[in-house]
């Protein structure tokens, strides 16, 4: 029928898996209560301070907003694997072509929480 059951999958993925193994796993996980909502991790005060410092360093005009060119100049070649234009636009929630501090914090949050590879 073209469909694979969990037992068939597990027998292929983990040779020797029996139906009782699968039932045991189902019983174990059905007793575990998964929360409906898990809040995202928060930045520490030192991380927020560092992000504000980076923002101020990038903000060459001192107007409290970052242009795309300011961000590109600030990061240099450190984000070569990222399309900076698209990344910038995805965090420009006000759609004004600029990043204010809250937008920049959200952009940097993915870097700080998810790690260097996510930016």
N, C-alpha and C. Protein backbone atom coordinates (compact mmCIF):
# COMPACT_ATOMS: atom_id res chain seq x y z
N UNK A 1 0.81 -1.21 0.00
CA UNK A 1 0.00 0.00 0.00
C UNK A 1 0.85 1.27 0.00
N UNK A 2 2.17 1.14 0.06
CA UNK A 2 3.05 2.29 0.00
C UNK A 2 3.24 3.01 1.32
N UNK A 3 2.63 2.53 2.37
CA UNK A 3 2.77 3.16 3.68
C UNK A 3 3.65 2.29 4.57
N UNK A 4 4.40 2.94 5.43
CA UNK A 4 5.28 2.24 6.36
C UNK A 4 4.77 2.48 7.77
N UNK A 5 4.56 1.41 8.49
CA UNK A 5 4.12 1.56 9.88
C UNK A 5 5.32 1.87 10.75
N UNK A 6 5.08 2.36 11.94
CA UNK A 6 6.16 2.66 12.86
C UNK A 6 6.96 1.40 13.20
N UNK A 7 6.28 0.29 13.29
CA UNK A 7 6.97 -0.98 13.60
C UNK A 7 7.89 -1.36 12.44
N UNK A 8 7.39 -1.23 11.20
CA UNK A 8 8.23 -1.55 10.04
C UNK A 8 9.44 -0.62 9.97
N UNK A 9 9.20 0.67 10.24
CA UNK A 9 10.30 1.63 10.22
C UNK A 9 11.34 1.29 11.27
N UNK A 10 10.89 1.04 12.49
CA UNK A 10 11.83 0.75 13.57
C UNK A 10 12.58 -0.55 13.35
N UNK A 11 11.94 -1.55 12.78
CA UNK A 11 12.62 -2.81 12.49
C UNK A 11 13.73 -2.60 11.47
N UNK A 12 13.54 -1.66 10.56
CA UNK A 12 14.57 -1.35 9.57
C UNK A 12 15.66 -0.48 10.19
N UNK A 13 15.24 0.54 10.93
CA UNK A 13 16.19 1.48 11.52
C UNK A 13 16.97 0.87 12.68
N UNK A 14 16.29 0.06 13.48
CA UNK A 14 16.91 -0.56 14.65
C UNK A 14 16.60 -2.06 14.59
N UNK A 15 17.48 -2.81 13.93
CA UNK A 15 17.22 -4.25 13.80
C UNK A 15 16.99 -4.90 15.17
N UNK A 16 16.04 -5.80 15.21
CA UNK A 16 15.73 -6.50 16.44
C UNK A 16 14.59 -5.87 17.23
N UNK A 17 14.05 -4.75 16.73
CA UNK A 17 12.94 -4.09 17.41
C UNK A 17 11.71 -4.98 17.32
N UNK A 18 11.07 -5.17 18.44
CA UNK A 18 9.85 -6.00 18.47
C UNK A 18 8.64 -5.10 18.69
N UNK A 19 7.46 -5.69 18.51
CA UNK A 19 6.23 -4.94 18.75
C UNK A 19 6.12 -4.54 20.22
N UNK A 20 6.63 -5.38 21.11
CA UNK A 20 6.58 -5.03 22.53
C UNK A 20 7.51 -3.85 22.84
N UNK A 21 8.64 -3.75 22.11
CA UNK A 21 9.52 -2.58 22.27
C UNK A 21 8.77 -1.30 21.88
N UNK A 22 8.08 -1.37 20.78
CA UNK A 22 7.33 -0.21 20.30
C UNK A 22 6.22 0.13 21.28
N UNK A 23 5.51 -0.87 21.75
CA UNK A 23 4.42 -0.62 22.70
C UNK A 23 4.97 -0.01 24.00
N UNK A 24 6.12 -0.49 24.44
CA UNK A 24 6.76 0.06 25.64
C UNK A 24 7.07 1.54 25.44
N UNK A 25 7.62 1.88 24.28
CA UNK A 25 7.95 3.29 23.99
C UNK A 25 6.69 4.14 23.95
N UNK A 26 5.64 3.61 23.33
CA UNK A 26 4.38 4.35 23.27
C UNK A 26 3.82 4.58 24.67
N UNK A 27 3.86 3.54 25.49
CA UNK A 27 3.36 3.66 26.86
C UNK A 27 4.16 4.69 27.66
N UNK A 28 5.48 4.67 27.50
CA UNK A 28 6.34 5.62 28.23
C UNK A 28 6.03 7.05 27.83
N UNK A 29 5.98 7.30 26.53
CA UNK A 29 5.78 8.67 26.06
C UNK A 29 4.36 9.15 26.24
N UNK A 30 3.39 8.24 26.27
CA UNK A 30 2.02 8.69 26.45
C UNK A 30 1.78 9.17 27.88
N UNK A 31 2.63 8.74 28.82
CA UNK A 31 2.50 9.20 30.20
C UNK A 31 3.20 10.53 30.43
N UNK A 32 4.09 10.90 29.52
CA UNK A 32 4.82 12.16 29.66
C UNK A 32 3.95 13.29 29.14
N UNK A 33 3.82 14.35 29.92
CA UNK A 33 3.01 15.48 29.50
C UNK A 33 3.90 16.54 28.87
N UNK A 34 3.66 16.79 27.61
CA UNK A 34 4.40 17.82 26.90
C UNK A 34 3.70 19.16 27.12
N UNK A 35 4.44 20.20 27.46
CA UNK A 35 3.79 21.50 27.66
C UNK A 35 3.25 22.03 26.34
N UNK A 36 2.15 22.76 26.42
CA UNK A 36 1.56 23.34 25.22
C UNK A 36 2.44 24.46 24.66
N UNK A 37 3.09 25.17 25.55
CA UNK A 37 3.90 26.29 25.11
C UNK A 37 5.19 26.32 25.91
N UNK A 38 6.28 26.41 25.20
CA UNK A 38 7.57 26.55 25.85
C UNK A 38 8.10 27.91 25.43
N UNK A 39 8.26 28.82 26.39
CA UNK A 39 8.73 30.16 26.01
C UNK A 39 10.15 30.10 25.44
N UNK A 40 10.44 30.97 24.50
CA UNK A 40 11.78 30.97 23.94
C UNK A 40 12.80 31.40 25.00
N UNK A 41 14.02 30.94 24.86
CA UNK A 41 15.04 31.35 25.83
C UNK A 41 15.24 32.86 25.77
N UNK A 42 15.58 33.42 26.90
CA UNK A 42 15.79 34.86 26.98
C UNK A 42 17.28 35.17 26.97
N UNK A 43 17.60 36.35 26.53
CA UNK A 43 18.98 36.82 26.57
C UNK A 43 19.31 37.27 27.98
N UNK A 44 20.55 37.05 28.36
CA UNK A 44 20.99 37.53 29.67
C UNK A 44 21.23 39.04 29.59
N UNK A 45 21.34 39.68 30.74
CA UNK A 45 21.58 41.13 30.75
C UNK A 45 22.93 41.46 30.11
N UNK A 46 23.91 40.60 30.30
CA UNK A 46 25.23 40.87 29.68
C UNK A 46 25.15 40.71 28.16
N UNK A 47 24.33 39.76 27.67
CA UNK A 47 24.16 39.62 26.22
C UNK A 47 23.44 40.84 25.64
N UNK A 48 22.40 41.31 26.35
CA UNK A 48 21.69 42.51 25.89
C UNK A 48 22.62 43.72 25.86
N UNK A 49 23.46 43.85 26.86
CA UNK A 49 24.42 44.95 26.91
C UNK A 49 25.38 44.86 25.71
N UNK A 50 25.86 43.67 25.45
CA UNK A 50 26.79 43.48 24.33
C UNK A 50 26.11 43.80 23.00
N UNK A 51 24.85 43.40 22.84
CA UNK A 51 24.13 43.69 21.61
C UNK A 51 23.94 45.20 21.44
N UNK A 52 23.62 45.90 22.53
CA UNK A 52 23.49 47.36 22.46
C UNK A 52 24.81 48.01 22.05
N UNK A 53 25.91 47.49 22.57
CA UNK A 53 27.24 48.01 22.21
C UNK A 53 27.51 47.79 20.72
N UNK A 54 27.17 46.60 20.22
CA UNK A 54 27.36 46.30 18.80
C UNK A 54 26.49 47.23 17.96
N UNK A 55 25.25 47.41 18.38
CA UNK A 55 24.33 48.31 17.66
C UNK A 55 24.94 49.71 17.58
N UNK A 56 25.42 50.21 18.71
CA UNK A 56 26.00 51.56 18.73
C UNK A 56 27.26 51.65 17.87
N UNK A 57 28.03 50.58 17.82
CA UNK A 57 29.23 50.56 16.98
C UNK A 57 28.84 50.59 15.50
N UNK A 58 27.83 49.82 15.12
CA UNK A 58 27.37 49.78 13.72
C UNK A 58 26.71 51.09 13.30
N UNK A 59 26.06 51.77 14.25
CA UNK A 59 25.28 52.98 13.96
C UNK A 59 26.21 54.18 13.76
N UNK A 60 26.85 54.23 12.60
CA UNK A 60 27.84 55.29 12.31
C UNK A 60 27.20 56.68 12.27
N UNK A 61 25.94 56.75 11.85
CA UNK A 61 25.28 58.06 11.77
C UNK A 61 24.79 58.53 13.13
N UNK A 62 24.68 57.61 14.09
CA UNK A 62 24.24 57.98 15.43
C UNK A 62 22.77 58.32 15.54
N UNK A 63 21.98 57.88 14.57
CA UNK A 63 20.55 58.22 14.58
C UNK A 63 19.67 57.18 15.26
N UNK A 64 20.29 56.14 15.82
CA UNK A 64 19.50 55.13 16.52
C UNK A 64 18.85 54.11 15.61
N UNK A 65 19.24 54.10 14.35
CA UNK A 65 18.72 53.13 13.39
C UNK A 65 19.86 52.68 12.50
N UNK A 66 19.78 51.42 12.07
CA UNK A 66 20.83 50.88 11.21
C UNK A 66 20.32 50.73 9.78
N UNK A 67 21.12 51.21 8.85
CA UNK A 67 20.84 50.96 7.44
C UNK A 67 21.47 49.62 7.07
N UNK A 68 21.08 49.11 5.94
CA UNK A 68 21.66 47.87 5.44
C UNK A 68 23.17 48.04 5.25
N UNK A 69 23.57 49.18 4.72
CA UNK A 69 25.01 49.39 4.49
C UNK A 69 25.78 49.47 5.81
N UNK A 70 25.18 50.03 6.86
CA UNK A 70 25.84 50.05 8.17
C UNK A 70 26.02 48.64 8.72
N UNK A 71 25.00 47.81 8.53
CA UNK A 71 25.10 46.42 9.01
C UNK A 71 26.16 45.68 8.21
N UNK A 72 26.15 45.83 6.90
CA UNK A 72 27.15 45.16 6.06
C UNK A 72 28.56 45.60 6.43
N UNK A 73 28.74 46.89 6.64
CA UNK A 73 30.07 47.39 7.03
C UNK A 73 30.46 46.86 8.40
N UNK A 74 29.51 46.75 9.29
CA UNK A 74 29.79 46.28 10.64
C UNK A 74 30.18 44.82 10.70
N UNK A 75 29.50 43.99 9.92
CA UNK A 75 29.80 42.56 9.99
C UNK A 75 30.95 42.18 9.08
N UNK A 76 31.25 43.01 8.10
CA UNK A 76 32.35 42.69 7.20
C UNK A 76 32.12 41.37 6.51
N UNK A 77 33.14 40.53 6.52
CA UNK A 77 33.07 39.24 5.84
C UNK A 77 32.69 38.11 6.79
N UNK A 78 32.29 38.44 8.01
CA UNK A 78 32.00 37.39 9.00
C UNK A 78 30.71 36.64 8.72
N UNK A 79 29.85 37.16 7.85
CA UNK A 79 28.58 36.48 7.56
C UNK A 79 28.47 36.19 6.06
N UNK A 80 29.56 35.75 5.47
CA UNK A 80 29.58 35.51 4.03
C UNK A 80 28.60 34.42 3.60
N UNK A 81 28.28 33.48 4.49
CA UNK A 81 27.39 32.37 4.11
C UNK A 81 25.92 32.77 4.21
N UNK A 82 25.65 34.00 4.59
CA UNK A 82 24.27 34.46 4.77
C UNK A 82 23.98 35.55 3.74
N UNK A 83 22.78 35.52 3.19
CA UNK A 83 22.35 36.61 2.32
C UNK A 83 21.93 37.75 3.25
N UNK A 84 22.83 38.69 3.47
CA UNK A 84 22.61 39.75 4.46
C UNK A 84 21.38 40.58 4.10
N UNK A 85 21.17 40.82 2.82
CA UNK A 85 20.01 41.62 2.40
C UNK A 85 18.70 40.96 2.85
N UNK A 86 18.58 39.65 2.61
CA UNK A 86 17.37 38.92 3.01
C UNK A 86 17.25 38.84 4.53
N UNK A 87 18.37 38.58 5.18
CA UNK A 87 18.37 38.47 6.64
C UNK A 87 17.94 39.79 7.26
N UNK A 88 18.51 40.88 6.78
CA UNK A 88 18.16 42.23 7.25
C UNK A 88 16.67 42.46 7.06
N UNK A 89 16.16 42.19 5.86
CA UNK A 89 14.75 42.44 5.55
C UNK A 89 13.82 41.60 6.43
N UNK A 90 14.23 40.39 6.77
CA UNK A 90 13.36 39.53 7.57
C UNK A 90 13.20 40.04 9.00
N UNK A 91 14.12 40.87 9.48
CA UNK A 91 14.01 41.43 10.82
C UNK A 91 13.54 42.89 10.82
N UNK A 92 13.40 43.46 9.64
CA UNK A 92 12.88 44.83 9.51
C UNK A 92 11.36 44.77 9.56
N UNK A 93 10.83 44.56 10.75
CA UNK A 93 9.39 44.37 10.91
C UNK A 93 8.57 45.62 10.62
N UNK A 94 9.21 46.79 10.71
CA UNK A 94 8.50 48.04 10.40
C UNK A 94 8.53 48.34 8.90
N UNK A 95 9.28 47.54 8.15
CA UNK A 95 9.37 47.69 6.69
C UNK A 95 9.77 49.09 6.24
N UNK A 96 10.69 49.70 7.01
CA UNK A 96 11.14 51.03 6.64
C UNK A 96 12.57 51.04 6.09
N UNK A 97 13.13 49.85 5.89
CA UNK A 97 14.50 49.76 5.36
C UNK A 97 15.56 50.03 6.40
N UNK A 98 15.16 50.08 7.67
CA UNK A 98 16.09 50.35 8.76
C UNK A 98 15.84 49.34 9.89
N UNK A 99 16.85 49.11 10.70
CA UNK A 99 16.67 48.31 11.90
C UNK A 99 16.81 49.21 13.11
N UNK A 100 15.77 49.26 13.93
CA UNK A 100 15.88 49.97 15.20
C UNK A 100 16.46 49.00 16.22
N UNK A 101 16.70 49.44 17.43
CA UNK A 101 17.33 48.58 18.43
C UNK A 101 16.51 47.31 18.72
N UNK A 102 15.19 47.39 18.97
CA UNK A 102 14.43 46.15 19.21
C UNK A 102 14.52 45.15 18.04
N UNK A 103 14.49 45.65 16.81
CA UNK A 103 14.62 44.76 15.65
C UNK A 103 16.01 44.13 15.61
N UNK A 104 17.02 44.93 15.91
CA UNK A 104 18.40 44.42 15.91
C UNK A 104 18.59 43.38 17.02
N UNK A 105 17.96 43.62 18.16
CA UNK A 105 18.04 42.64 19.26
C UNK A 105 17.44 41.32 18.81
N UNK A 106 16.30 41.35 18.12
CA UNK A 106 15.69 40.12 17.62
C UNK A 106 16.61 39.42 16.62
N UNK A 107 17.23 40.18 15.74
CA UNK A 107 18.18 39.62 14.79
C UNK A 107 19.33 38.93 15.53
N UNK A 108 19.88 39.61 16.51
CA UNK A 108 21.03 39.07 17.25
C UNK A 108 20.63 37.94 18.19
N UNK A 109 19.38 37.90 18.61
CA UNK A 109 18.92 36.84 19.51
C UNK A 109 19.13 35.47 18.85
N UNK A 110 18.86 35.38 17.57
CA UNK A 110 19.06 34.10 16.89
C UNK A 110 20.53 33.71 16.90
N UNK A 111 21.40 34.67 16.83
CA UNK A 111 22.85 34.42 16.88
C UNK A 111 23.27 33.96 18.28
N UNK A 112 22.81 34.67 19.28
CA UNK A 112 23.22 34.35 20.65
C UNK A 112 22.60 33.06 21.17
N UNK A 113 21.34 32.83 20.87
CA UNK A 113 20.65 31.67 21.42
C UNK A 113 20.93 30.42 20.59
N UNK A 114 20.91 30.55 19.28
CA UNK A 114 21.08 29.37 18.42
C UNK A 114 22.53 29.09 18.08
N UNK A 115 23.38 30.06 18.26
CA UNK A 115 24.80 29.85 17.97
C UNK A 115 25.24 30.55 16.71
N UNK A 116 26.53 30.55 16.53
CA UNK A 116 27.16 31.28 15.43
C UNK A 116 26.65 30.80 14.08
N UNK A 117 26.41 29.51 13.93
CA UNK A 117 26.02 28.96 12.63
C UNK A 117 24.68 29.41 12.14
N UNK A 118 23.84 29.97 12.97
CA UNK A 118 22.50 30.34 12.53
C UNK A 118 22.44 31.70 11.88
N UNK A 119 23.47 32.47 11.99
CA UNK A 119 23.42 33.81 11.42
C UNK A 119 23.96 33.86 10.04
